[in-house]
Amino acid sequence: MSSVTSEAIVLIAVIVGAVALSQSFLVSVSVLQDNAAASSTAMGDKIRTDVKVIYATIVNTTEARVWVKNIGTSTLFDSHIIDSDLFFGLNGDFKWYGYSDSGVGWNYTELGYGHGWIPGETIQISISTAEPIATGEFYVRYVTYNGVKSEYFFTIGE
């Protein structure tokens, strides 16, 4: 085999290696770009979301009500609200309550126009408990689907 043929084979091998290396580099850059875009979208969503628990009270021995205002700039729809978390109970002895149309848990009523929970509107949350609600200092924490939270403390009957 001549030196020209050997050099051609080596040159082809180097080119194939360079193409393979650059291709893997481009795939990695593309993955990083997609991750950065997804992270940016999630962060923007979180920045536009803000809520505030404005009032809470006990209705009867197994039901409490909480009013939460949307003070952010994004509209929250049913799926967003249902995916939220609610913590309620005596301060230091509270529990997580999941969304429930009936029975133990929480459900909500939009107090606005009914086209989603738009900025400036309030929802009324009804919490049904399994045990009777005692008197004392209570704690409520509402956490949106994307982690934005608001806390509220109130006292009943002491």
Foldseek 3Di string as FASTA:
>chain_A
DDPVVVVVVVVVVVVVVVVVVVVVVVVVVVVVVVVVVVVVVLVVVVQQWAKEFDDKDADFFFKIKTKMATQGQDFAAPVFQQLKWKWKAAVVDIDIFHDDPDDAHKDKDWPDDPPTRHHGTMIMMMGGHPGTHDWAKMKMWIATNSGHIYIDIDGPDD
